[in-house]
PDB file of N, CA and C in Angstrom:
ATOM      1  N   UNK A   1    -180.070 -27.477   1.117  1.00  0.00           N
ATOM      2  CA  UNK A   1    -180.301 -28.110  -0.158  1.00  0.00           C
ATOM      3  C   UNK A   1    -180.468 -29.600   0.073  1.00  0.00           C
ATOM      4  N   UNK A   2    -181.527 -30.137  -0.463  1.00  0.00           N
ATOM      5  CA  UNK A   2    -181.826 -31.559  -0.325  1.00  0.00           C
ATOM      6  C   UNK A   2    -181.197 -32.310  -1.488  1.00  0.00           C
ATOM      7  N   UNK A   3    -180.470 -33.370  -1.198  1.00  0.00           N
ATOM      8  CA  UNK A   3    -179.855 -34.189  -2.244  1.00  0.00           C
ATOM      9  C   UNK A   3    -180.415 -35.598  -2.149  1.00  0.00           C
ATOM     10  N   UNK A   4    -180.710 -36.189  -3.310  1.00  0.00           N
ATOM     11  CA  UNK A   4    -181.264 -37.545  -3.366  1.00  0.00           C
ATOM     12  C   UNK A   4    -180.543 -38.345  -4.431  1.00  0.00           C
ATOM     13  N   UNK A   5    -180.604 -39.665  -4.300  1.00  0.00           N
ATOM     14  CA  UNK A   5    -180.007 -40.586  -5.259  1.00  0.00           C
ATOM     15  C   UNK A   5    -181.118 -41.395  -5.910  1.00  0.00           C
ATOM     16  N   UNK A   6    -181.098 -41.497  -7.237  1.00  0.00           N
ATOM     17  CA  UNK A   6    -182.104 -42.258  -7.982  1.00  0.00           C
ATOM     18  C   UNK A   6    -181.413 -43.301  -8.848  1.00  0.00           C
ATOM     19  N   UNK A   7    -182.095 -44.410  -9.088  1.00  0.00           N
ATOM     20  CA  UNK A   7    -181.515 -45.483  -9.893  1.00  0.00           C
ATOM     21  C   UNK A   7    -181.938 -45.436 -11.354  1.00  0.00           C
ATOM     22  N   UNK A   8    -182.899 -44.584 -11.701  1.00  0.00           N
ATOM     23  CA  UNK A   8    -183.316 -44.473 -13.101  1.00  0.00           C
ATOM     24  C   UNK A   8    -183.875 -43.082 -13.373  1.00  0.00           C
ATOM     25  N   UNK A   9    -183.838 -42.698 -14.633  1.00  0.00           N
ATOM     26  CA  UNK A   9    -184.416 -41.411 -15.020  1.00  0.00           C
ATOM     27  C   UNK A   9    -185.925 -41.397 -14.823  1.00  0.00           C
ATOM     28  N   UNK A  10    -186.563 -42.549 -14.992  1.00  0.00           N
ATOM     29  CA  UNK A  10    -188.002 -42.647 -14.743  1.00  0.00           C
ATOM     30  C   UNK A  10    -188.339 -42.326 -13.300  1.00  0.00           C
ATOM     31  N   UNK A  11    -187.501 -42.796 -12.374  1.00  0.00           N
ATOM     32  CA  UNK A  11    -187.705 -42.489 -10.956  1.00  0.00           C
ATOM     33  C   UNK A  11    -187.518 -41.004 -10.685  1.00  0.00           C
ATOM     34  N   UNK A  12    -186.573 -40.398 -11.382  1.00  0.00           N
ATOM     35  CA  UNK A  12    -186.354 -38.954 -11.244  1.00  0.00           C
ATOM     36  C   UNK A  12    -187.604 -38.204 -11.699  1.00  0.00           C
ATOM     37  N   UNK A  13    -188.108 -38.557 -12.887  1.00  0.00           N
ATOM     38  CA  UNK A  13    -189.290 -37.879 -13.442  1.00  0.00           C
ATOM     39  C   UNK A  13    -190.491 -38.038 -12.506  1.00  0.00           C
ATOM     40  N   UNK A  14    -190.693 -39.243 -12.007  1.00  0.00           N
ATOM     41  CA  UNK A  14    -191.819 -39.523 -11.109  1.00  0.00           C
ATOM     42  C   UNK A  14    -191.721 -38.688  -9.833  1.00  0.00           C
ATOM     43  N   UNK A  15    -190.546 -38.663  -9.224  1.00  0.00           N
ATOM     44  CA  UNK A  15    -190.340 -37.904  -7.990  1.00  0.00           C
ATOM     45  C   UNK A  15    -190.581 -36.408  -8.236  1.00  0.00           C
ATOM     46  N   UNK A  16    -190.010 -35.887  -9.313  1.00  0.00           N
ATOM     47  CA  UNK A  16    -190.151 -34.461  -9.598  1.00  0.00           C
ATOM     48  C   UNK A  16    -191.598 -34.082  -9.888  1.00  0.00           C
ATOM     49  N   UNK A  17    -192.313 -34.926 -10.589  1.00  0.00           N
ATOM     50  CA  UNK A  17    -193.731 -34.664 -10.854  1.00  0.00           C
ATOM     51  C   UNK A  17    -194.513 -34.636  -9.545  1.00  0.00           C
ATOM     52  N   UNK A  18    -194.262 -35.619  -8.692  1.00  0.00           N
ATOM     53  CA  UNK A  18    -194.955 -35.704  -7.402  1.00  0.00           C
ATOM     54  C   UNK A  18    -194.671 -34.491  -6.525  1.00  0.00           C
ATOM     55  N   UNK A  19    -193.428 -34.014  -6.536  1.00  0.00           N
ATOM     56  CA  UNK A  19    -193.012 -32.903  -5.672  1.00  0.00           C
ATOM     57  C   UNK A  19    -193.117 -31.535  -6.353  1.00  0.00           C
ATOM     58  N   UNK A  20    -193.609 -31.519  -7.591  1.00  0.00           N
ATOM     59  CA  UNK A  20    -193.748 -30.275  -8.361  1.00  0.00           C
ATOM     60  C   UNK A  20    -192.408 -29.571  -8.554  1.00  0.00           C
ATOM     61  N   UNK A  21    -191.431 -30.362  -8.936  1.00  0.00           N
ATOM     62  CA  UNK A  21    -190.090 -29.858  -9.216  1.00  0.00           C
ATOM     63  C   UNK A  21    -189.904 -29.844 -10.730  1.00  0.00           C
ATOM     64  N   UNK A  22    -189.511 -28.720 -11.260  1.00  0.00           N
ATOM     65  CA  UNK A  22    -189.262 -28.587 -12.692  1.00  0.00           C
ATOM     66  C   UNK A  22    -187.902 -29.205 -13.031  1.00  0.00           C
ATOM     67  N   UNK A  23    -187.823 -29.887 -14.170  1.00  0.00           N
ATOM     68  CA  UNK A  23    -186.552 -30.459 -14.618  1.00  0.00           C
ATOM     69  C   UNK A  23    -186.033 -29.610 -15.775  1.00  0.00           C
ATOM     70  N   UNK A  24    -184.869 -29.012 -15.555  1.00  0.00           N
ATOM     71  CA  UNK A  24    -184.267 -28.098 -16.517  1.00  0.00           C
ATOM     72  C   UNK A  24    -183.006 -28.730 -17.105  1.00  0.00           C
ATOM     73  N   UNK A  25    -183.015 -28.953 -18.402  1.00  0.00           N
ATOM     74  CA  UNK A  25    -181.837 -29.471 -19.086  1.00  0.00           C
ATOM     75  C   UNK A  25    -180.919 -28.334 -19.494  1.00  0.00           C
ATOM     76  N   UNK A  26    -179.630 -28.528 -19.276  1.00  0.00           N
ATOM     77  CA  UNK A  26    -178.644 -27.537 -19.698  1.00  0.00           C
ATOM     78  C   UNK A  26    -178.083 -28.035 -21.024  1.00  0.00           C
ATOM     79  N   UNK A  27    -178.577 -27.445 -22.102  1.00  0.00           N
ATOM     80  CA  UNK A  27    -178.232 -27.949 -23.432  1.00  0.00           C
ATOM     81  C   UNK A  27    -178.499 -26.876 -24.482  1.00  0.00           C
ATOM     82  N   UNK A  28    -177.692 -26.852 -25.510  1.00  0.00           N
ATOM     83  CA  UNK A  28    -177.883 -25.934 -26.632  1.00  0.00           C
ATOM     84  C   UNK A  28    -178.856 -26.605 -27.599  1.00  0.00           C
ATOM     85  N   UNK A  29    -180.097 -26.132 -27.579  1.00  0.00           N
ATOM     86  CA  UNK A  29    -181.156 -26.704 -28.418  1.00  0.00           C
ATOM     87  C   UNK A  29    -182.005 -25.554 -28.961  1.00  0.00           C
ATOM     88  N   UNK A  30    -182.748 -25.776 -30.045  1.00  0.00           N
ATOM     89  CA  UNK A  30    -183.585 -24.690 -30.590  1.00  0.00           C
ATOM     90  C   UNK A  30    -184.558 -24.109 -29.563  1.00  0.00           C
ATOM     91  N   UNK A  31    -185.123 -24.931 -28.684  1.00  0.00           N
ATOM     92  CA  UNK A  31    -186.104 -24.439 -27.708  1.00  0.00           C
ATOM     93  C   UNK A  31    -185.481 -23.934 -26.407  1.00  0.00           C
ATOM     94  N   UNK A  32    -184.158 -24.002 -26.286  1.00  0.00           N
ATOM     95  CA  UNK A  32    -183.476 -23.533 -25.071  1.00  0.00           C
ATOM     96  C   UNK A  32    -183.590 -22.021 -24.947  1.00  0.00           C
ATOM     97  N   UNK A  33    -183.686 -21.554 -23.703  1.00  0.00           N
ATOM     98  CA  UNK A  33    -183.727 -20.116 -23.426  1.00  0.00           C
ATOM     99  C   UNK A  33    -182.389 -19.698 -22.839  1.00  0.00           C
ATOM    100  N   UNK A  34    -181.926 -18.503 -23.130  1.00  0.00           N
ATOM    101  CA  UNK A  34    -180.657 -18.048 -22.568  1.00  0.00           C
ATOM    102  C   UNK A  34    -180.758 -17.885 -21.051  1.00  0.00           C
ATOM    103  N   UNK A  35    -179.708 -18.255 -20.368  1.00  0.00           N
ATOM    104  CA  UNK A  35    -179.725 -18.280 -18.906  1.00  0.00           C
ATOM    105  C   UNK A  35    -179.972 -16.900 -18.297  1.00  0.00           C
ATOM    106  N   UNK A  36    -179.541 -15.829 -18.948  1.00  0.00           N
ATOM    107  CA  UNK A  36    -179.743 -14.499 -18.356  1.00  0.00           C
ATOM    108  C   UNK A  36    -181.220 -14.124 -18.260  1.00  0.00           C
ATOM    109  N   UNK A  37    -182.087 -14.833 -18.975  1.00  0.00           N
ATOM    110  CA  UNK A  37    -183.532 -14.616 -18.820  1.00  0.00           C
ATOM    111  C   UNK A  37    -184.064 -15.270 -17.548  1.00  0.00           C
ATOM    112  N   UNK A  38    -183.264 -16.112 -16.908  1.00  0.00           N
ATOM    113  CA  UNK A  38    -183.652 -16.848 -15.697  1.00  0.00           C
ATOM    114  C   UNK A  38    -185.057 -17.448 -15.840  1.00  0.00           C
ATOM    115  N   UNK A  39    -185.240 -18.347 -16.808  1.00  0.00           N
ATOM    116  CA  UNK A  39    -186.570 -18.906 -17.081  1.00  0.00           C
ATOM    117  C   UNK A  39    -186.961 -20.053 -16.145  1.00  0.00           C
ATOM    118  N   UNK A  40    -186.681 -19.894 -14.877  1.00  0.00           N
ATOM    119  CA  UNK A  40    -186.940 -20.969 -13.925  1.00  0.00           C
ATOM    120  C   UNK A  40    -188.384 -20.931 -13.443  1.00  0.00           C
ATOM    121  N   UNK A  41    -188.832 -22.046 -12.865  1.00  0.00           N
ATOM    122  CA  UNK A  41    -190.231 -22.190 -12.444  1.00  0.00           C
ATOM    123  C   UNK A  41    -190.308 -22.708 -11.016  1.00  0.00           C
ATOM    124  N   UNK A  42    -189.624 -22.092 -10.102  1.00  0.00           N
ATOM    125  CA  UNK A  42    -189.642 -22.565  -8.720  1.00  0.00           C
ATOM    126  C   UNK A  42    -188.592 -23.636  -8.487  1.00  0.00           C
ATOM    127  N   UNK A  43    -188.918 -24.612  -7.635  1.00  0.00           N
ATOM    128  CA  UNK A  43    -187.971 -25.684  -7.333  1.00  0.00           C
ATOM    129  C   UNK A  43    -187.547 -26.358  -8.630  1.00  0.00           C
ATOM    130  N   UNK A  44    -186.253 -26.554  -8.796  1.00  0.00           N
ATOM    131  CA  UNK A  44    -185.723 -27.034 -10.072  1.00  0.00           C
ATOM    132  C   UNK A  44    -184.630 -28.067  -9.873  1.00  0.00           C
ATOM    133  N   UNK A  45    -184.680 -29.102 -10.688  1.00  0.00           N
ATOM    134  CA  UNK A  45    -183.614 -30.093 -10.785  1.00  0.00           C
ATOM    135  C   UNK A  45    -182.912 -29.832 -12.114  1.00  0.00           C
ATOM    136  N   UNK A  46    -181.589 -29.809 -12.105  1.00  0.00           N
ATOM    137  CA  UNK A  46    -180.825 -29.545 -13.318  1.00  0.00           C
ATOM    138  C   UNK A  46    -180.202 -30.826 -13.845  1.00  0.00           C
ATOM    139  N   UNK A  47    -180.253 -30.995 -15.166  1.00  0.00           N
ATOM    140  CA  UNK A  47    -179.639 -32.149 -15.824  1.00  0.00           C
ATOM    141  C   UNK A  47    -178.512 -31.625 -16.710  1.00  0.00           C
ATOM    142  N   UNK A  48    -177.287 -32.058 -16.400  1.00  0.00           N
ATOM    143  CA  UNK A  48    -176.116 -31.680 -17.179  1.00  0.00           C
ATOM    144  C   UNK A  48    -175.658 -32.889 -17.977  1.00  0.00           C
ATOM    145  N   UNK A  49    -175.302 -32.675 -19.214  1.00  0.00           N
ATOM    146  CA  UNK A  49    -174.907 -33.777 -20.080  1.00  0.00           C
ATOM    147  C   UNK A  49    -173.414 -34.031 -20.091  1.00  0.00           C
ATOM    148  N   UNK A  50    -173.032 -34.942 -20.930  1.00  0.00           N
ATOM    149  CA  UNK A  50    -171.644 -35.296 -21.161  1.00  0.00           C
ATOM    150  C   UNK A  50    -170.944 -34.139 -21.876  1.00  0.00           C
ATOM    151  N   UNK A  51    -169.696 -33.858 -21.503  1.00  0.00           N
ATOM    152  CA  UNK A  51    -168.984 -32.741 -22.129  1.00  0.00           C
ATOM    153  C   UNK A  51    -168.844 -32.903 -23.637  1.00  0.00           C
ATOM    154  N   UNK A  52    -168.674 -34.115 -24.091  1.00  0.00           N
ATOM    155  CA  UNK A  52    -168.470 -34.335 -25.519  1.00  0.00           C
ATOM    156  C   UNK A  52    -169.749 -34.391 -26.324  1.00  0.00           C
ATOM    157  N   UNK A  53    -170.790 -35.025 -25.771  1.00  0.00           N
ATOM    158  CA  UNK A  53    -172.007 -35.261 -26.557  1.00  0.00           C
ATOM    159  C   UNK A  53    -173.263 -34.608 -25.992  1.00  0.00           C
ATOM    160  N   UNK A  54    -173.170 -33.956 -24.855  1.00  0.00           N
ATOM    161  CA  UNK A  54    -174.344 -33.292 -24.277  1.00  0.00           C
ATOM    162  C   UNK A  54    -175.317 -34.279 -23.658  1.00  0.00           C
ATOM    163  N   UNK A  55    -176.579 -33.878 -23.566  1.00  0.00           N
ATOM    164  CA  UNK A  55    -177.617 -34.743 -23.009  1.00  0.00           C
ATOM    165  C   UNK A  55    -177.967 -35.842 -24.005  1.00  0.00           C
ATOM    166  N   UNK A  56    -178.224 -37.047 -23.495  1.00  0.00           N
ATOM    167  CA  UNK A  56    -178.685 -38.105 -24.396  1.00  0.00           C
ATOM    168  C   UNK A  56    -180.211 -38.009 -24.531  1.00  0.00           C
ATOM    169  N   UNK A  57    -180.780 -38.776 -25.427  1.00  0.00           N
ATOM    170  CA  UNK A  57    -182.216 -38.694 -25.715  1.00  0.00           C
ATOM    171  C   UNK A  57    -183.070 -38.997 -24.482  1.00  0.00           C
ATOM    172  N   UNK A  58    -182.673 -39.970 -23.675  1.00  0.00           N
ATOM    173  CA  UNK A  58    -183.434 -40.298 -22.461  1.00  0.00           C
ATOM    174  C   UNK A  58    -183.431 -39.137 -21.473  1.00  0.00           C
ATOM    175  N   UNK A  59    -182.302 -38.454 -21.349  1.00  0.00           N
ATOM    176  CA  UNK A  59    -182.232 -37.288 -20.466  1.00  0.00           C
ATOM    177  C   UNK A  59    -183.091 -36.147 -21.007  1.00  0.00           C
ATOM    178  N   UNK A  60    -183.023 -35.931 -22.304  1.00  0.00           N
ATOM    179  CA  UNK A  60    -183.822 -34.868 -22.930  1.00  0.00           C
ATOM    180  C   UNK A  60    -185.311 -35.101 -22.688  1.00  0.00           C
ATOM    181  N   UNK A  61    -185.742 -36.343 -22.788  1.00  0.00           N
ATOM    182  CA  UNK A  61    -187.169 -36.666 -22.666  1.00  0.00           C
ATOM    183  C   UNK A  61    -187.755 -36.385 -21.285  1.00  0.00           C
ATOM    184  N   UNK A  62    -186.943 -36.381 -20.224  1.00  0.00           N
ATOM    185  CA  UNK A  62    -187.507 -36.102 -18.894  1.00  0.00           C
ATOM    186  C   UNK A  62    -187.523 -34.608 -18.564  1.00  0.00           C
ATOM    187  N   UNK A  63    -186.895 -33.787 -19.399  1.00  0.00           N
ATOM    188  CA  UNK A  63    -186.789 -32.354 -19.107  1.00  0.00           C
ATOM    189  C   UNK A  63    -188.072 -31.604 -19.452  1.00  0.00           C
ATOM    190  N   UNK A  64    -188.401 -30.637 -18.601  1.00  0.00           N
ATOM    191  CA  UNK A  64    -189.548 -29.758 -18.835  1.00  0.00           C
ATOM    192  C   UNK A  64    -189.173 -28.572 -19.718  1.00  0.00           C
ATOM    193  N   UNK A  65    -187.945 -28.116 -19.578  1.00  0.00           N
ATOM    194  CA  UNK A  65    -187.461 -26.985 -20.370  1.00  0.00           C
ATOM    195  C   UNK A  65    -185.938 -27.009 -20.380  1.00  0.00           C
ATOM    196  N   UNK A  66    -185.349 -26.128 -21.189  1.00  0.00           N
ATOM    197  CA  UNK A  66    -183.903 -26.127 -21.381  1.00  0.00           C
ATOM    198  C   UNK A  66    -183.357 -24.705 -21.323  1.00  0.00           C
ATOM    199  N   UNK A  67    -182.117 -24.592 -20.842  1.00  0.00           N
ATOM    200  CA  UNK A  67    -181.407 -23.318 -20.848  1.00  0.00           C
ATOM    201  C   UNK A  67    -180.037 -23.529 -21.482  1.00  0.00           C
ATOM    202  N   UNK A  68    -179.478 -22.431 -21.957  1.00  0.00           N
ATOM    203  CA  UNK A  68    -178.113 -22.462 -22.475  1.00  0.00           C
ATOM    204  C   UNK A  68    -177.397 -21.195 -22.037  1.00  0.00           C
ATOM    205  N   UNK A  69    -176.079 -21.226 -22.118  1.00  0.00           N
ATOM    206  CA  UNK A  69    -175.251 -20.077 -21.780  1.00  0.00           C
ATOM    207  C   UNK A  69    -174.800 -19.439 -23.091  1.00  0.00           C
ATOM    208  N   UNK A  70    -175.228 -18.214 -23.373  1.00  0.00           N
ATOM    209  CA  UNK A  70    -174.800 -17.570 -24.614  1.00  0.00           C
ATOM    210  C   UNK A  70    -173.272 -17.453 -24.677  1.00  0.00           C
ATOM    211  N   UNK A  71    -172.743 -17.609 -25.864  1.00  0.00           N
ATOM    212  CA  UNK A  71    -171.308 -17.457 -26.089  1.00  0.00           C
ATOM    213  C   UNK A  71    -171.084 -16.181 -26.896  1.00  0.00           C
ATOM    214  N   UNK A  72    -169.968 -15.525 -26.660  1.00  0.00           N
ATOM    215  CA  UNK A  72    -169.684 -14.262 -27.328  1.00  0.00           C
ATOM    216  C   UNK A  72    -168.399 -14.333 -28.141  1.00  0.00           C
ATOM    217  N   UNK A  73    -168.013 -15.549 -28.488  1.00  0.00           N
ATOM    218  CA  UNK A  73    -166.853 -15.780 -29.337  1.00  0.00           C
ATOM    219  C   UNK A  73    -167.102 -17.041 -30.155  1.00  0.00           C
ATOM    220  N   UNK A  74    -166.418 -17.142 -31.256  1.00  0.00           N
ATOM    221  CA  UNK A  74    -166.537 -18.355 -32.068  1.00  0.00           C
ATOM    222  C   UNK A  74    -165.323 -19.268 -31.880  1.00  0.00           C
ATOM    223  N   UNK A  75    -164.668 -19.174 -30.733  1.00  0.00           N
ATOM    224  CA  UNK A  75    -163.445 -19.937 -30.479  1.00  0.00           C
ATOM    225  C   UNK A  75    -163.676 -21.246 -29.739  1.00  0.00           C
ATOM    226  N   UNK A  76    -164.899 -21.492 -29.279  1.00  0.00           N
ATOM    227  CA  UNK A  76    -165.206 -22.753 -28.603  1.00  0.00           C
ATOM    228  C   UNK A  76    -166.659 -23.140 -28.892  1.00  0.00           C
ATOM    229  N   UNK A  77    -166.898 -24.438 -29.028  1.00  0.00           N
ATOM    230  CA  UNK A  77    -168.255 -24.909 -29.342  1.00  0.00           C
ATOM    231  C   UNK A  77    -169.125 -25.029 -28.102  1.00  0.00           C
ATOM    232  N   UNK A  78    -168.501 -25.241 -26.945  1.00  0.00           N
ATOM    233  CA  UNK A  78    -169.257 -25.384 -25.695  1.00  0.00           C
ATOM    234  C   UNK A  78    -168.314 -25.182 -24.518  1.00  0.00           C
ATOM    235  N   UNK A  79    -168.891 -25.090 -23.333  1.00  0.00           N
ATOM    236  CA  UNK A  79    -168.105 -24.924 -22.110  1.00  0.00           C
ATOM    237  C   UNK A  79    -167.891 -26.260 -21.412  1.00  0.00           C
ATOM    238  N   UNK A  80    -166.857 -26.335 -20.611  1.00  0.00           N
ATOM    239  CA  UNK A  80    -166.633 -27.463 -19.720  1.00  0.00           C
ATOM    240  C   UNK A  80    -167.865 -27.606 -18.836  1.00  0.00           C
ATOM    241  N   UNK A  81    -168.299 -28.841 -18.571  1.00  0.00           N
ATOM    242  CA  UNK A  81    -169.549 -29.071 -17.837  1.00  0.00           C
ATOM    243  C   UNK A  81    -169.502 -28.479 -16.423  1.00  0.00           C
ATOM    244  N   UNK A  82    -168.353 -28.515 -15.759  1.00  0.00           N
ATOM    245  CA  UNK A  82    -168.249 -27.930 -14.414  1.00  0.00           C
ATOM    246  C   UNK A  82    -168.415 -26.412 -14.472  1.00  0.00           C
ATOM    247  N   UNK A  83    -167.832 -25.786 -15.462  1.00  0.00           N
ATOM    248  CA  UNK A  83    -167.969 -24.336 -15.627  1.00  0.00           C
ATOM    249  C   UNK A  83    -169.415 -23.983 -15.965  1.00  0.00           C
ATOM    250  N   UNK A  84    -170.002 -24.714 -16.910  1.00  0.00           N
ATOM    251  CA  UNK A  84    -171.393 -24.454 -17.296  1.00  0.00           C
ATOM    252  C   UNK A  84    -172.324 -24.610 -16.096  1.00  0.00           C
ATOM    253  N   UNK A  85    -172.154 -25.682 -15.337  1.00  0.00           N
ATOM    254  CA  UNK A  85    -172.982 -25.895 -14.150  1.00  0.00           C
ATOM    255  C   UNK A  85    -172.841 -24.761 -13.160  1.00  0.00           C
ATOM    256  N   UNK A  86    -171.615 -24.313 -12.938  1.00  0.00           N
ATOM    257  CA  UNK A  86    -171.379 -23.214 -11.995  1.00  0.00           C
ATOM    258  C   UNK A  86    -172.113 -21.947 -12.418  1.00  0.00           C
ATOM    259  N   UNK A  87    -172.063 -21.638 -13.688  1.00  0.00           N
ATOM    260  CA  UNK A  87    -172.748 -20.437 -14.189  1.00  0.00           C
ATOM    261  C   UNK A  87    -174.262 -20.579 -14.035  1.00  0.00           C
ATOM    262  N   UNK A  88    -174.793 -21.733 -14.406  1.00  0.00           N
ATOM    263  CA  UNK A  88    -176.237 -21.978 -14.298  1.00  0.00           C
ATOM    264  C   UNK A  88    -176.687 -21.908 -12.842  1.00  0.00           C
ATOM    265  N   UNK A  89    -175.949 -22.568 -11.953  1.00  0.00           N
ATOM    266  CA  UNK A  89    -176.330 -22.594 -10.536  1.00  0.00           C
ATOM    267  C   UNK A  89    -176.270 -21.198  -9.928  1.00  0.00           C
ATOM    268  N   UNK A  90    -175.319 -20.383 -10.360  1.00  0.00           N
ATOM    269  CA  UNK A  90    -175.236 -19.005  -9.872  1.00  0.00           C
ATOM    270  C   UNK A  90    -176.486 -18.222 -10.299  1.00  0.00           C
ATOM    271  N   UNK A  91    -176.874 -18.358 -11.553  1.00  0.00           N
ATOM    272  CA  UNK A  91    -178.087 -17.674 -12.022  1.00  0.00           C
ATOM    273  C   UNK A  91    -179.322 -18.166 -11.264  1.00  0.00           C
ATOM    274  N   UNK A  92    -179.379 -19.464 -10.985  1.00  0.00           N
ATOM    275  CA  UNK A  92    -180.525 -19.979 -10.233  1.00  0.00           C
ATOM    276  C   UNK A  92    -180.531 -19.413  -8.810  1.00  0.00           C
ATOM    277  N   UNK A  93    -179.370 -19.313  -8.185  1.00  0.00           N
ATOM    278  CA  UNK A  93    -179.286 -18.753  -6.832  1.00  0.00           C
ATOM    279  C   UNK A  93    -179.782 -17.310  -6.813  1.00  0.00           C
ATOM    280  N   UNK A  94    -179.470 -16.546  -7.852  1.00  0.00           N
ATOM    281  CA  UNK A  94    -179.976 -15.173  -7.941  1.00  0.00           C
ATOM    282  C   UNK A  94    -181.492 -15.167  -8.097  1.00  0.00           C
ATOM    283  N   UNK A  95    -182.008 -16.024  -8.984  1.00  0.00           N
ATOM    284  CA  UNK A  95    -183.452 -16.148  -9.193  1.00  0.00           C
ATOM    285  C   UNK A  95    -184.164 -16.518  -7.888  1.00  0.00           C
ATOM    286  N   UNK A  96    -183.606 -17.496  -7.166  1.00  0.00           N
ATOM    287  CA  UNK A  96    -184.234 -18.006  -5.944  1.00  0.00           C
ATOM    288  C   UNK A  96    -184.003 -17.091  -4.741  1.00  0.00           C
ATOM    289  N   UNK A  97    -183.172 -16.075  -4.936  1.00  0.00           N
ATOM    290  CA  UNK A  97    -182.857 -15.118  -3.864  1.00  0.00           C
ATOM    291  C   UNK A  97    -182.254 -15.805  -2.635  1.00  0.00           C
ATOM    292  N   UNK A  98    -181.363 -16.757  -2.895  1.00  0.00           N
ATOM    293  CA  UNK A  98    -180.655 -17.401  -1.786  1.00  0.00           C
ATOM    294  C   UNK A  98    -179.810 -16.348  -1.077  1.00  0.00           C
ATOM    295  N   UNK A  99    -179.769 -16.383   0.246  1.00  0.00           N
ATOM    296  CA  UNK A  99    -178.924 -15.425   0.956  1.00  0.00           C
ATOM    297  C   UNK A  99    -177.449 -15.791   0.779  1.00  0.00           C
ATOM    298  N   UNK A 100    -176.627 -14.786   0.715  1.00  0.00           N
ATOM    299  CA  UNK A 100    -175.183 -15.019   0.603  1.00  0.00           C
ATOM    300  C   UNK A 100    -174.673 -15.695   1.870  1.00  0.00           C
ATOM    301  N   UNK A 101    -173.738 -16.621   1.707  1.00  0.00           N
ATOM    302  CA  UNK A 101    -173.128 -17.302   2.857  1.00  0.00           C
ATOM    303  C   UNK A 101    -172.317 -16.293   3.664  1.00  0.00           C
ATOM    304  N   UNK A 102    -172.232 -16.534   4.960  1.00  0.00           N
ATOM    305  CA  UNK A 102    -171.457 -15.661   5.822  1.00  0.00           C
ATOM    306  C   UNK A 102    -169.967 -15.755   5.527  1.00  0.00           C
ATOM    307  N   UNK A 103    -169.237 -14.724   5.919  1.00  0.00           N
ATOM    308  CA  UNK A 103    -167.791 -14.707   5.704  1.00  0.00           C
ATOM    309  C   UNK A 103    -167.080 -14.516   7.027  1.00  0.00           C
ATOM    310  N   UNK A 104    -165.930 -15.144   7.111  1.00  0.00           N
ATOM    311  CA  UNK A 104    -165.069 -15.017   8.283  1.00  0.00           C
ATOM    312  C   UNK A 104    -163.665 -14.758   7.764  1.00  0.00           C
ATOM    313  N   UNK A 105    -163.246 -13.504   7.772  1.00  0.00           N
ATOM    314  CA  UNK A 105    -161.955 -13.157   7.188  1.00  0.00           C
ATOM    315  C   UNK A 105    -162.013 -13.337   5.677  1.00  0.00           C
ATOM    316  N   UNK A 106    -161.079 -14.127   5.156  1.00  0.00           N
ATOM    317  CA  UNK A 106    -161.010 -14.346   3.709  1.00  0.00           C
ATOM    318  C   UNK A 106    -161.633 -15.671   3.283  1.00  0.00           C
ATOM    319  N   UNK A 107    -162.477 -16.233   4.126  1.00  0.00           N
ATOM    320  CA  UNK A 107    -163.146 -17.508   3.832  1.00  0.00           C
ATOM    321  C   UNK A 107    -164.643 -17.369   4.098  1.00  0.00           C
ATOM    322  N   UNK A 108    -165.409 -18.258   3.494  1.00  0.00           N
ATOM    323  CA  UNK A 108    -166.833 -18.340   3.802  1.00  0.00           C
ATOM    324  C   UNK A 108    -167.013 -19.288   4.976  1.00  0.00           C
ATOM    325  N   UNK A 109    -167.967 -18.985   5.849  1.00  0.00           N
ATOM    326  CA  UNK A 109    -168.217 -19.860   6.994  1.00  0.00           C
ATOM    327  C   UNK A 109    -168.913 -21.126   6.516  1.00  0.00           C
ATOM    328  N   UNK A 110    -168.576 -22.233   7.142  1.00  0.00           N
ATOM    329  CA  UNK A 110    -169.117 -23.532   6.754  1.00  0.00           C
ATOM    330  C   UNK A 110    -170.334 -23.889   7.587  1.00  0.00           C
ATOM    331  N   UNK A 111    -171.278 -24.553   6.954  1.00  0.00           N
ATOM    332  CA  UNK A 111    -172.454 -25.073   7.640  1.00  0.00           C
ATOM    333  C   UNK A 111    -172.269 -26.553   7.899  1.00  0.00           C
ATOM    334  N   UNK A 112    -173.376 -27.220   8.171  1.00  0.00           N
ATOM    335  CA  UNK A 112    -173.338 -28.661   8.407  1.00  0.00           C
ATOM    336  C   UNK A 112    -173.073 -29.411   7.111  1.00  0.00           C
ATOM    337  N   UNK A 113    -172.514 -30.610   7.225  1.00  0.00           N
ATOM    338  CA  UNK A 113    -172.285 -31.467   6.062  1.00  0.00           C
ATOM    339  C   UNK A 113    -173.618 -31.907   5.481  1.00  0.00           C
ATOM    340  N   UNK A 114    -173.632 -32.161   4.177  1.00  0.00           N
ATOM    341  CA  UNK A 114    -174.832 -32.608   3.478  1.00  0.00           C
ATOM    342  C   UNK A 114    -174.745 -34.112   3.271  1.00  0.00           C
ATOM    343  N   UNK A 115    -175.847 -34.813   3.537  1.00  0.00           N
ATOM    344  CA  UNK A 115    -175.888 -36.250   3.268  1.00  0.00           C
ATOM    345  C   UNK A 115    -176.872 -36.507   2.133  1.00  0.00           C
ATOM    346  N   UNK A 116    -176.674 -37.604   1.437  1.00  0.00           N
ATOM    347  CA  UNK A 116    -177.535 -37.962   0.312  1.00  0.00           C
ATOM    348  C   UNK A 116    -178.649 -38.866   0.807  1.00  0.00           C
ATOM    349  N   UNK A 117    -179.908 -38.497   0.514  1.00  0.00           N
ATOM    350  CA  UNK A 117    -181.069 -39.319   0.881  1.00  0.00           C
ATOM    351  C   UNK A 117    -181.334 -40.329  -0.225  1.00  0.00           C
ATOM    352  N   UNK A 118    -181.607 -41.565   0.159  1.00  0.00           N
ATOM    353  CA  UNK A 118    -181.897 -42.587  -0.850  1.00  0.00           C
ATOM    354  C   UNK A 118    -183.313 -43.075  -0.708  1.00  0.00           C
TER     355      UNK A 118
END
């Protein structure tokens, strides 16, 4: 997995357009599709919002499409951002057919450390 650091959302949009990477916002919006439909379009960058207020307008504007996690109870308005991200990333891994990591006993085997490209 390639990781990069950007100083502005405009730089993110420019890079993703150049590299043909879809930007998927994780947000409950009228045009959002449920995650179980796996509406991904190949290489994807995910934008997660603030737990209290969600994505801001600038973040929304750079997104190509949106997904949400259906809820089956009326006891919470939204999920914790770490939990939501984990669920979304798991669905994306299934869509992308990533191979399962190796196991050694009761642990997963570790690969090389990841560095951030700037």
